[in-house]
Protein backbone atom coordinates (compact mmCIF):
# COMPACT_ATOMS: atom_id res chain seq x y z
CA MET A 1 165.83 102.14 -22.69
CA THR A 2 166.05 104.56 -25.68
CA SER A 3 169.16 106.49 -26.64
CA ASN A 4 167.32 109.68 -25.67
CA SER A 5 167.08 108.47 -22.06
CA VAL A 6 170.57 106.88 -21.90
CA ILE A 7 172.45 110.05 -22.82
CA PRO A 8 171.00 112.18 -19.99
CA ALA A 9 171.67 109.36 -17.53
CA LEU A 10 175.30 109.14 -18.66
CA LEU A 11 175.64 112.91 -18.37
CA VAL A 12 174.29 112.82 -14.83
CA LEU A 13 176.71 110.01 -13.94
CA LEU A 14 179.61 111.90 -15.49
CA CYS A 15 178.67 115.02 -13.54
CA LEU A 16 178.60 113.02 -10.32
CA VAL A 17 182.04 111.55 -11.02
CA VAL A 18 183.48 114.97 -11.86
CA TYR A 19 181.90 116.51 -8.76
CA HIS A 20 183.23 113.71 -6.55
CA GLU A 21 186.73 114.14 -7.97
CA TYR A 22 186.48 117.92 -7.52
CA GLN A 23 185.43 117.50 -3.90
CA ARG A 24 188.20 114.99 -3.28
CA ARG A 25 190.86 117.29 -4.69
CA ARG A 26 189.38 120.28 -2.88
CA GLU A 27 189.45 118.39 0.41
CA ARG A 28 192.98 117.20 -0.30
CA SER A 29 194.09 120.78 -0.93
CA ARG A 30 192.84 121.75 2.55
CA LEU A 31 194.66 118.95 4.37
CA PRO A 32 197.87 119.73 6.25
CA PRO A 33 200.86 119.64 3.87
CA GLY A 34 202.59 116.40 2.99
CA PRO A 35 204.27 114.49 0.18
CA LYS A 36 202.45 114.08 -3.11
CA GLY A 37 200.84 110.67 -3.40
CA LEU A 38 200.31 108.22 -6.22
CA PRO A 39 196.91 107.72 -7.90
CA ILE A 40 194.55 105.46 -5.90
CA VAL A 41 197.14 104.20 -3.36
CA GLY A 42 198.19 107.69 -2.25
CA ASN A 43 201.24 107.97 0.03
CA ILE A 44 201.94 104.27 0.32
CA ARG A 45 205.61 104.93 -0.51
CA ASP A 46 205.85 107.47 2.30
CA LEU A 47 205.13 105.10 5.20
CA PRO A 48 207.80 104.21 7.79
CA PRO A 49 210.16 101.36 6.83
CA ARG A 50 209.88 98.19 8.89
CA GLY A 51 212.42 97.62 11.64
CA LYS A 52 213.20 101.32 12.18
CA PRO A 53 211.79 103.69 14.84
CA GLU A 54 208.70 105.26 13.28
CA TYR A 55 209.19 108.64 14.96
CA VAL A 56 212.48 109.15 13.05
CA HIS A 57 210.67 108.74 9.73
CA TRP A 58 207.93 111.23 10.60
CA MET A 59 210.47 113.79 11.82
CA LYS A 60 211.86 113.86 8.27
CA LEU A 61 208.41 114.87 7.03
CA MET A 62 208.27 117.59 9.68
CA GLN A 63 211.58 118.98 8.41
CA ARG A 64 210.17 119.11 4.86
CA PHE A 65 206.58 120.22 5.41
CA GLY A 66 206.29 121.74 8.88
CA PRO A 67 205.02 120.71 12.33
CA VAL A 68 201.56 119.51 11.19
CA THR A 69 201.75 117.12 8.24
CA SER A 70 199.49 114.57 6.61
CA VAL A 71 199.60 111.45 4.46
CA THR A 72 196.70 109.62 2.83
CA VAL A 73 196.93 105.92 1.99
CA LEU A 74 194.07 104.18 0.17
CA GLY A 75 191.69 106.91 1.32
CA GLN A 76 192.81 106.82 4.98
CA THR A 77 194.26 110.12 6.19
CA ALA A 78 196.77 110.40 9.02
CA VAL A 79 197.84 113.72 10.53
CA ILE A 80 201.19 113.72 12.34
CA ILE A 81 201.75 116.49 14.89
CA HIS A 82 205.13 117.86 16.00
CA ASP A 83 203.86 120.93 17.82
CA ARG A 84 202.61 121.41 21.38
CA GLN A 85 200.18 124.20 20.49
CA ALA A 86 198.58 122.08 17.76
CA THR A 87 198.43 119.07 20.08
CA ASN A 88 196.59 121.10 22.72
CA ALA A 89 194.18 122.59 20.19
CA ILE A 90 193.32 119.30 18.47
CA LEU A 91 193.55 116.69 21.25
CA GLU A 92 192.79 118.72 24.37
CA LYS A 93 190.44 121.57 23.42
CA SER A 94 188.74 119.50 20.70
CA SER A 95 188.80 116.26 22.69
CA LYS A 96 185.08 115.60 22.08
CA ARG A 97 185.86 115.23 18.39
CA SER A 98 189.30 113.60 18.64
CA SER A 99 188.99 110.88 21.30
CA GLY A 100 188.24 107.91 19.06
CA ARG A 101 190.64 105.17 18.05
CA PRO A 102 191.41 103.86 14.56
CA ASP A 103 189.81 100.52 13.77
CA LEU A 104 193.05 98.55 13.56
CA GLN A 105 192.29 95.24 11.89
CA PHE A 106 195.54 93.62 12.97
CA ALA A 107 195.68 94.69 16.63
CA HIS A 108 191.96 94.68 17.40
CA ARG A 109 190.26 92.00 15.35
CA LEU A 110 193.09 89.57 14.62
CA CYS A 111 195.28 89.82 17.74
CA GLY A 112 192.39 90.22 20.19
CA PHE A 113 193.42 93.52 21.78
CA GLU A 114 189.99 95.08 21.13
CA GLY A 115 189.07 94.95 24.83
CA MET A 116 192.08 96.99 25.92
CA VAL A 117 191.49 100.59 26.98
CA SER A 118 194.05 101.80 24.45
CA ALA A 119 192.03 100.17 21.64
CA MET A 120 188.42 100.95 22.60
CA GLN A 121 186.25 103.70 21.21
CA PHE A 122 185.15 106.37 23.66
CA ASP A 123 181.87 104.73 24.67
CA HIS A 124 180.08 103.30 27.71
CA ASP A 125 182.34 100.23 27.93
CA LEU A 126 185.47 102.36 27.88
CA ILE A 127 184.10 104.71 30.53
CA LYS A 128 183.33 101.69 32.72
CA GLN A 129 186.86 100.34 32.43
CA ARG A 130 188.44 103.72 33.04
CA ARG A 131 186.25 104.22 36.10
CA MET A 132 187.29 100.84 37.50
CA MET A 133 190.97 101.57 36.92
CA HIS A 134 190.58 105.03 38.42
CA GLN A 135 188.98 103.61 41.56
CA GLN A 136 191.69 100.96 41.85
CA MET A 137 194.76 103.15 41.35
CA GLY A 138 193.85 106.44 39.71
CA THR A 139 193.98 108.72 42.76
CA LYS A 140 196.58 109.48 45.42
CA SER A 141 194.40 107.95 48.13
CA SER A 142 193.81 104.74 46.15
CA MET A 143 197.53 104.42 45.41
CA MET A 144 198.43 104.89 49.07
CA ARG A 145 196.50 101.69 49.83
CA HIS A 146 198.96 99.81 47.65
CA HIS A 147 202.22 101.45 48.70
CA LYS A 148 203.13 98.95 51.43
CA THR A 149 202.49 96.03 49.08
CA MET A 150 204.57 97.70 46.37
CA GLU A 151 207.42 98.36 48.81
CA ARG A 152 207.46 94.71 49.92
CA GLU A 153 207.49 93.45 46.35
CA ALA A 154 210.17 95.95 45.35
CA LYS A 155 212.59 94.37 47.84
CA THR A 156 212.61 91.30 45.62
CA LEU A 157 214.29 93.50 42.99
CA VAL A 158 217.19 93.91 45.41
CA LEU A 159 217.40 90.16 46.01
CA ARG A 160 217.21 89.32 42.31
CA THR A 161 219.86 91.91 41.45
CA LEU A 162 222.22 90.58 44.11
CA ARG A 163 221.81 87.10 42.68
CA GLU A 164 222.00 88.02 38.97
CA PRO A 165 223.15 91.64 38.50
CA GLU A 166 223.65 91.13 34.76
CA LYS A 167 219.87 90.64 34.40
CA LEU A 168 218.79 93.94 35.97
CA LEU A 169 216.68 94.98 32.97
CA GLN A 170 214.81 91.65 33.01
CA HIS A 171 214.30 92.02 36.76
CA PHE A 172 212.50 95.34 36.21
CA LYS A 173 209.88 93.65 34.03
CA VAL A 174 209.46 90.73 36.41
CA VAL A 175 209.10 92.86 39.54
CA MET A 176 206.68 95.33 37.94
CA GLY A 177 204.58 92.38 36.80
CA ALA A 178 204.81 90.91 40.31
CA ILE A 179 203.59 94.17 41.85
CA ILE A 180 200.56 94.33 39.54
CA LEU A 181 199.63 90.68 40.15
CA LYS A 182 199.99 91.11 43.91
CA VAL A 183 197.94 94.31 44.02
CA LEU A 184 195.13 93.05 41.79
CA TYR A 185 194.90 89.34 42.57
CA GLY A 186 197.06 88.66 45.62
CA TYR A 187 199.18 86.43 43.37
CA THR A 188 202.76 85.76 44.54
CA ILE A 189 205.11 85.02 41.67
CA ASP A 190 207.72 82.27 41.62
CA GLN A 191 210.87 83.81 43.09
CA GLN A 192 213.19 80.86 42.59
CA GLU A 193 212.78 80.47 38.84
CA ASP A 194 211.12 81.98 35.79
CA ASP A 195 207.47 82.58 36.77
CA ARG A 196 205.22 81.22 34.03
CA LEU A 197 202.50 83.85 34.42
CA VAL A 198 204.98 86.73 34.26
CA ARG A 199 206.57 85.07 31.24
CA LEU A 200 203.16 84.78 29.58
CA ILE A 201 202.46 88.46 30.18
CA GLY A 202 205.90 89.32 28.79
CA LEU A 203 205.23 87.37 25.60
CA MET A 204 201.93 89.21 25.12
CA MET A 205 203.59 92.58 25.67
CA ASP A 206 206.34 91.72 23.17
CA ASP A 207 203.54 91.62 20.57
CA PHE A 208 201.53 94.55 21.95
CA GLY A 209 203.71 97.45 20.80
CA PRO A 210 204.34 96.25 17.23
CA ALA A 211 200.64 95.41 16.78
CA PHE A 212 199.60 99.01 17.49
CA ALA A 213 202.30 100.75 15.44
CA ALA A 214 200.39 103.16 13.19
CA LEU A 215 200.27 102.58 9.41
CA THR A 216 202.61 99.57 9.44
CA TRP A 217 200.32 96.56 8.79
CA ALA A 218 198.96 95.98 5.29
CA VAL A 219 195.69 94.61 6.66
CA ASP A 220 195.03 97.94 8.41
CA LEU A 221 195.25 99.65 5.04
CA VAL A 222 193.39 96.92 3.11
CA PRO A 223 190.94 95.34 5.62
CA ALA A 224 189.75 92.76 3.08
CA LEU A 225 193.08 90.95 3.50
CA ARG A 226 191.91 89.50 6.80
CA HIS A 227 189.37 87.35 4.92
CA LEU A 228 192.03 85.58 2.84
CA PRO A 229 193.23 82.12 3.99
CA SER A 230 196.38 82.09 6.12
CA TRP A 231 198.18 79.63 3.81
CA MET A 232 198.35 82.13 0.96
CA PRO A 233 201.64 83.96 0.29
CA GLY A 234 201.89 87.21 2.25
CA MET A 235 199.41 86.06 4.91
CA GLY A 236 202.05 85.36 7.56
CA PHE A 237 200.57 88.18 9.64
CA LYS A 238 197.47 86.03 10.21
CA ARG A 239 199.52 83.22 11.73
CA LYS A 240 201.36 85.69 13.92
CA ALA A 241 198.06 87.26 15.01
CA ALA A 242 196.61 83.85 15.90
CA ARG A 243 199.53 83.22 18.28
CA THR A 244 199.09 86.65 19.84
CA LYS A 245 195.35 86.15 20.26
CA ARG A 246 195.96 82.95 22.20
CA LEU A 247 198.35 84.84 24.50
CA VAL A 248 195.88 87.68 25.04
CA GLY A 249 193.13 85.23 25.97
CA ALA A 250 195.41 83.49 28.45
CA VAL A 251 196.61 86.73 30.07
CA VAL A 252 193.05 88.02 30.39
CA ASN A 253 191.52 84.82 31.79
CA ILE A 254 194.11 82.86 33.76
CA PRO A 255 194.93 85.46 36.48
CA TYR A 256 191.22 86.08 36.99
CA SER A 257 190.47 82.38 37.39
CA LYS A 258 193.08 82.19 40.16
CA GLY A 259 192.06 85.44 41.83
CA GLU A 260 188.28 85.03 41.95
CA GLN A 261 188.38 84.79 45.73
CA GLU A 262 190.10 88.16 46.13
CA ASP A 263 187.99 91.09 47.30
CA GLU A 264 189.35 94.16 45.55
CA MET A 265 188.09 94.26 41.97
CA LEU A 266 185.43 91.60 42.12
CA ALA A 267 182.62 93.79 43.43
CA ALA A 268 181.98 94.98 39.87
CA ASP A 269 179.33 93.09 37.93
CA ASP A 270 181.03 93.10 34.55
CA VAL A 271 183.56 90.27 34.53
CA ASP A 272 185.02 91.14 31.12
CA ALA A 273 185.66 94.70 32.23
CA ILE A 274 187.45 93.40 35.32
CA LYS A 275 189.61 91.02 33.30
CA TYR A 276 190.60 93.60 30.72
CA SER A 277 191.21 96.27 33.36
CA ALA A 278 193.88 94.00 34.80
CA ALA A 279 195.37 93.30 31.37
CA ASN A 280 195.46 97.04 30.72
CA LEU A 281 197.48 97.58 33.87
CA PHE A 282 199.96 94.95 32.73
CA ALA A 283 200.33 96.92 29.49
CA GLY A 284 200.26 100.39 31.01
CA GLY A 285 202.26 99.55 34.12
CA ALA A 286 204.76 96.73 33.75
CA ASP A 287 205.94 97.33 30.19
CA THR A 288 206.02 101.12 30.19
CA SER A 289 207.73 101.38 33.58
CA SER A 290 210.36 98.80 32.66
CA SER A 291 211.02 100.73 29.43
CA SER A 292 211.65 103.94 31.39
CA LEU A 293 213.81 102.03 33.87
CA SER A 294 215.89 100.62 31.01
CA SER A 295 216.40 104.18 29.74
CA PHE A 296 217.40 105.20 33.26
CA VAL A 297 220.06 102.45 33.38
CA LEU A 298 221.43 103.56 30.00
CA ALA A 299 221.56 107.16 31.22
CA MET A 300 223.45 106.18 34.39
CA THR A 301 226.16 104.55 32.26
CA MET A 302 226.56 107.85 30.41
CA TYR A 303 226.05 110.39 33.19
CA PRO A 304 227.84 109.17 36.35
CA ASP A 305 227.66 112.65 37.92
CA VAL A 306 223.85 112.47 37.86
CA GLN A 307 223.99 109.09 39.58
CA ARG A 308 226.34 110.32 42.32
CA LYS A 309 224.26 113.44 42.94
CA ALA A 310 221.04 111.40 43.30
CA GLN A 311 222.76 108.88 45.60
CA LYS A 312 224.08 111.66 47.82
CA GLU A 313 220.59 113.12 48.17
CA ILE A 314 219.22 109.70 49.15
CA ASP A 315 221.98 109.16 51.72
CA ASP A 316 221.50 112.66 53.19
CA VAL A 317 217.71 112.41 53.47
CA VAL A 318 217.07 108.70 54.07
CA GLY A 319 220.36 107.65 55.64
CA ARG A 320 222.36 104.54 54.87
CA ASP A 321 220.54 102.11 57.16
CA ARG A 322 217.18 101.67 55.40
CA LEU A 323 215.60 101.67 51.97
CA PRO A 324 213.79 104.76 50.65
CA ARG A 325 210.00 104.66 50.91
CA PHE A 326 207.15 106.46 49.22
CA ASP A 327 206.87 108.93 52.09
CA ASP A 328 210.47 110.03 51.38
CA ARG A 329 209.61 111.11 47.86
CA ARG A 330 208.58 114.67 48.67
CA ASN A 331 211.97 115.20 50.35
CA LEU A 332 213.98 113.95 47.36
CA PRO A 333 213.58 116.70 44.72
CA TYR A 334 216.62 115.69 42.68
CA VAL A 335 215.52 112.04 42.57
CA GLU A 336 212.09 113.29 41.46
CA ALA A 337 213.82 115.22 38.68
CA VAL A 338 215.65 112.01 37.66
CA VAL A 339 212.24 110.29 37.43
CA MET A 340 210.92 113.08 35.19
CA GLU A 341 214.03 112.94 33.01
CA ALA A 342 213.72 109.15 32.69
CA HIS A 343 210.23 109.76 31.30
CA ARG A 344 211.42 112.47 28.89
CA TRP A 345 214.82 111.38 27.62
CA MET A 346 213.62 108.24 25.80
CA PRO A 347 209.79 108.33 25.80
CA VAL A 348 208.08 104.98 26.28
CA ALA A 349 205.74 105.69 23.35
CA PRO A 350 207.66 107.98 20.96
CA LEU A 351 204.50 108.19 18.87
CA ALA A 352 201.50 108.25 21.17
CA THR A 353 198.65 105.87 20.36
CA ALA A 354 196.75 107.28 17.39
CA HIS A 355 193.48 109.14 17.99
CA ARG A 356 190.65 109.25 15.45
CA THR A 357 188.35 112.16 14.71
CA SER A 358 184.58 111.76 14.90
CA GLU A 359 183.92 115.08 13.12
CA ASP A 360 185.81 117.45 10.86
CA ILE A 361 188.25 119.67 12.75
CA ILE A 362 189.65 122.92 11.37
CA TYR A 363 193.08 123.93 12.65
CA ASN A 364 194.86 126.99 11.21
CA ASP A 365 192.75 126.72 8.03
CA TYR A 366 193.74 123.06 7.64
CA LEU A 367 191.01 120.45 7.44
CA ILE A 368 191.43 117.35 9.58
CA PRO A 369 188.59 115.24 8.17
CA ASN A 370 186.19 113.00 10.04
CA GLY A 371 187.79 109.56 10.46
CA ALA A 372 191.38 110.79 10.19
CA GLN A 373 194.08 109.35 12.43
CA ILE A 374 195.93 111.87 14.59
CA ILE A 375 199.42 110.84 15.66
CA PRO A 376 201.21 113.15 18.11
CA SER A 377 204.99 112.76 18.24
CA ALA A 378 205.76 112.49 21.95
CA TRP A 379 209.42 112.20 21.03
CA TRP A 380 209.51 115.61 19.40
CA LEU A 381 207.35 117.23 22.06
CA THR A 382 209.85 116.08 24.70
CA HIS A 383 212.89 117.00 22.55
CA ASP A 384 211.79 120.32 21.06
CA PRO A 385 214.78 122.63 21.66
CA GLN A 386 212.37 125.55 22.02
CA THR A 387 211.04 123.84 25.17
CA TYR A 388 213.94 121.73 26.46
CA ARG A 389 217.48 123.09 26.27
CA ASP A 390 219.99 120.52 24.98
CA PRO A 391 217.19 117.95 24.71
CA ASP A 392 219.45 114.99 23.92
CA GLU A 393 221.25 115.39 27.25
CA PHE A 394 220.01 113.56 30.36
CA ASP A 395 219.90 116.56 32.69
CA PRO A 396 217.59 116.49 35.75
CA ASP A 397 218.65 120.06 36.61
CA ARG A 398 216.43 121.28 33.78
CA TYR A 399 213.45 120.99 36.18
CA GLY A 400 215.10 123.07 38.91
CA PRO A 401 214.09 126.64 39.76
CA ARG A 402 216.75 128.22 37.53
CA ARG A 403 215.43 126.66 34.32
CA ASP A 404 211.98 125.42 35.32
CA GLU A 405 211.38 123.41 32.15
CA PRO A 406 207.95 121.72 31.96
CA ASP A 407 207.15 118.36 33.53
CA PRO A 408 207.16 115.85 30.62
CA ARG A 409 204.47 113.72 32.26
CA SER A 410 201.90 116.08 30.75
CA ILE A 411 203.00 114.59 27.40
CA ILE A 412 204.15 111.07 28.21
CA PHE A 413 200.83 109.81 29.58
CA GLY A 414 198.70 110.91 26.64
CA PHE A 415 196.27 113.68 25.79
CA GLY A 416 192.69 114.74 26.37
CA ARG A 417 190.14 112.09 27.23
CA ARG A 418 192.61 109.32 26.30
CA ARG A 419 195.11 110.21 29.00
CA CYS A 420 196.41 107.00 30.62
CA PRO A 421 194.21 106.05 33.61
CA GLY A 422 197.09 104.10 35.18
CA GLN A 423 199.60 106.94 35.08
CA MET A 424 199.92 107.20 38.88
CA PHE A 425 200.67 103.51 39.16
CA GLY A 426 203.27 103.66 36.40
CA ASP A 427 204.94 106.75 37.83
CA ASP A 428 204.97 105.37 41.39
CA GLY A 429 206.44 102.09 40.16
CA LEU A 430 209.16 103.92 38.26
CA TYR A 431 210.08 106.00 41.32
CA LEU A 432 210.12 103.03 43.68
CA LEU A 433 212.38 100.74 41.64
CA LEU A 434 214.62 103.59 40.50
CA VAL A 435 215.23 104.84 44.04
CA HIS A 436 215.90 101.29 45.30
CA VAL A 437 218.58 100.80 42.66
CA LEU A 438 220.20 104.19 43.32
CA SER A 439 220.21 103.55 47.06
CA LEU A 440 222.00 100.19 46.94
CA PHE A 441 223.85 99.81 43.64
CA ASP A 442 226.31 101.57 41.35
CA ILE A 443 225.59 101.33 37.62
CA GLY A 444 228.53 101.56 35.26
CA LYS A 445 229.40 100.96 31.64
CA GLY A 446 229.26 97.44 30.31
CA LEU A 447 232.48 95.45 30.08
CA ASP A 448 233.75 93.44 27.12
CA ASP A 449 235.38 90.01 27.33
CA GLU A 450 238.74 91.57 28.17
CA GLY A 451 237.34 93.75 30.94
CA GLY A 452 237.39 96.98 28.97
CA GLU A 453 234.52 99.47 29.13
CA MET A 454 232.10 99.58 26.20
CA GLU A 455 230.81 102.96 25.13
CA PRO A 456 227.01 103.18 25.39
CA VAL A 457 224.88 103.71 22.30
CA VAL A 458 221.52 105.51 22.36
CA GLU A 459 219.11 103.72 20.02
CA ALA A 460 215.36 103.11 20.35
CA SER A 461 213.41 100.08 19.16
CA PRO A 462 210.44 100.48 16.77
CA GLY A 463 206.82 99.94 17.79
CA LEU A 464 204.26 101.67 19.97
CA ILE A 465 206.20 100.85 23.15
CA SER A 466 209.89 101.53 22.62
CA TYR A 467 212.93 100.28 24.52
CA PRO A 468 216.58 101.32 24.35
CA VAL A 469 218.39 98.76 22.22
CA ASN A 470 221.44 96.74 23.36
CA VAL A 471 221.99 98.45 26.69
CA ARG A 472 225.44 97.45 28.01
CA TYR A 473 225.89 98.00 31.74
CA SER A 474 227.49 96.67 34.91
CA VAL A 475 225.99 96.62 38.40
CA ARG A 476 227.72 96.28 41.75
CA PRO A 477 226.67 96.95 45.37
CA ARG A 478 227.60 100.38 46.70
CA GLU A 479 230.37 100.66 49.26
CA GLY A 480 229.06 100.91 52.81
CA LYS A 481 225.72 99.27 51.95
CA GLU A 482 226.74 95.69 52.73
CA HIS A 483 225.02 95.65 56.13
CA LEU A 484 221.74 96.92 54.62
CA LEU A 485 221.86 94.33 51.85
CA ARG A 486 222.44 91.54 54.39
CA ALA A 487 219.52 92.81 56.48
CA ILE A 488 217.20 92.84 53.44
CA GLU A 489 218.20 89.26 52.62
CA ALA A 490 217.58 88.13 56.20
CA GLU A 491 214.24 89.92 56.58
CA ASN A 492 212.79 88.90 53.20
CA PRO A 493 212.99 85.14 52.67
CA TRP A 494 211.59 83.86 49.39
CA GLN A 495 207.82 83.48 49.66
CA GLU A 496 205.88 80.45 48.53
CA SER A 497 204.63 81.00 45.01
CA ASP A 498 201.09 80.76 43.66
CA ALA A 499 202.49 79.57 40.32
CA ARG A 500 201.48 75.99 41.11
CA PHE A 501 197.82 76.95 40.68
CA VAL A 502 198.27 78.04 37.07
CA ARG A 503 201.25 75.97 35.91
CA GLU A 504 199.36 73.39 33.85
CA GLU A 505 197.19 75.95 32.05
CA ILE A 506 200.13 78.16 31.15
CA ASP A 507 202.39 75.28 30.16
CA LEU A 508 199.76 74.21 27.63
CA VAL A 509 199.61 77.72 26.12
CA LEU A 510 203.41 78.02 26.02
CA GLN A 511 203.70 74.60 24.42
CA GLN A 512 201.23 75.58 21.70
CA GLN A 513 203.15 78.81 21.12
CA GLN A 514 206.40 76.92 20.75
CA GLN A 515 204.88 74.42 18.32
CA GLN A 516 203.47 77.20 16.15
CA GLN A 517 206.79 79.01 16.10
CA GLN A 518 208.57 75.83 15.04
CA GLN A 519 206.02 75.26 12.28
CA GLN A 520 206.44 78.82 11.04
CA GLN A 521 210.23 78.47 11.06
CA GLN A 522 209.94 75.26 9.04
CA GLN A 523 207.64 76.98 6.54
CA GLN A 524 210.06 79.88 6.21
CA GLN A 525 212.95 77.47 5.64
CA GLN A 526 210.95 75.63 2.99
CA GLN A 527 210.11 78.91 1.25
CA GLN A 528 213.78 79.93 1.31
CA GLN A 529 214.81 76.56 -0.12
CA GLN A 530 212.21 76.89 -2.88
CA GLN A 531 213.45 80.38 -3.71
CA GLN A 532 217.04 79.15 -3.83
CA GLN A 533 216.05 76.28 -6.11
CA GLN A 534 214.20 78.66 -8.42
CA GLN A 535 217.23 80.97 -8.54
CA GLN A 536 219.52 78.04 -9.34
CA GLN A 537 217.20 76.88 -12.11
CA GLN A 538 217.11 80.39 -13.58
CA GLN A 539 220.90 80.60 -13.48
CA GLN A 540 221.21 77.21 -15.20
CA GLN A 541 218.76 78.27 -17.90
CA GLN A 542 220.69 81.49 -18.49
CA GLN A 543 223.97 79.57 -18.78
CA GLN A 544 222.40 77.20 -21.33
């Protein structure tokens, strides 16, 4: 090639580079405001710190830049929304263009959550799963088919709480899991000891929320990292993901293998859709409801007047000789307000699962580019003082006719086409267990070793699904309810469990999990010892 032909080619290449940089800067200038990023890596220093609630970090950006902000990391743009009007415009009115999901390398490909409704793109497979879940428990009529089963299972909460009141928060998880397994598969959990299947589901859900936390895993920002061997430094996430993937596979397959003979969900021809529909209900029902119930317990330790007012309404409407039922709900408006406030006060998902755009969206002259993540702050939307007066207070009266503040369930269960298909199940489960506890028990502040009351602390855990941290509480039966408690014990003997059918399979999985954890702990100890030795050697060299 002659110099005469090289020079024009270089000029063309230079023009293309300049044009690309111009377009990039022009696009960046049209994004919602946000902190200035570094060259190439962008806003990598502006991501949430590990171990802290992510919503707190993004609220600081809102205070600096306004209700619609953006960050860009390694070319990936995320738009964080702290405004109800913007949420409606982008996720509701523009739902055709904003119903995708980010391709999360860690949660989807490495951990195996890609078949979950919350992870799937809006395509035929997702529509199939949502349709199945809707038919099973997405309408009032379909839920009514399950109410008697749910009421029977909920009585085990009473029995467990009588036996071990200090484990009330654990009982919520167990009983919600038991309800789902009974409704979907006819599976009766072990009521005498720790049920292995419920434990397995709990272990999976412990990993679920952190796996989906937006912009927290390096492999989501640099997908090529997933191809590196797991023994390399910094690849601990791959070992963690391998353990999670084994749990996901077990939770998806083992209940189905036991429940093949059941009639309800097995008419569908797509077995994978059936399996994952059940796993989705574990995620969307058991974990989220138990999170809201934990927040409810914390609130009762702080607001005893709310507890007494709800208990009085139950006694006046239901009486003191039976448990509340689903058909009492319409006659318990204050209890219903307590349910709504339990949803709002500490949202289960303070940052809703991220959406992804499939086309450019223009909002208030801002460009939200194709492929951007959209992260609505459910925490702020349920704590905006322009919408909710004194938002940090647990106050069910805010939904009464005098104030008529909006029902938070329009926020809590998601937006647009990604609204949770199991919301009725989750809300019904929350009501049922909450009203059982209020009917029969008094919740008070936790006690220290000397019998003194401990002041409650309001703190949320990080991750997609958030729990109140270190809830201290005490539980005792209400006065005048002894006869009802005795009757419940007499009428509800412990049922024979189906755990024997799955014990060997689950024990093998749990054993493998334990072995891997021990190996990882040993590796961490070895790394710490090596670091200490290196530090000692450096100190010795400096002294010499």
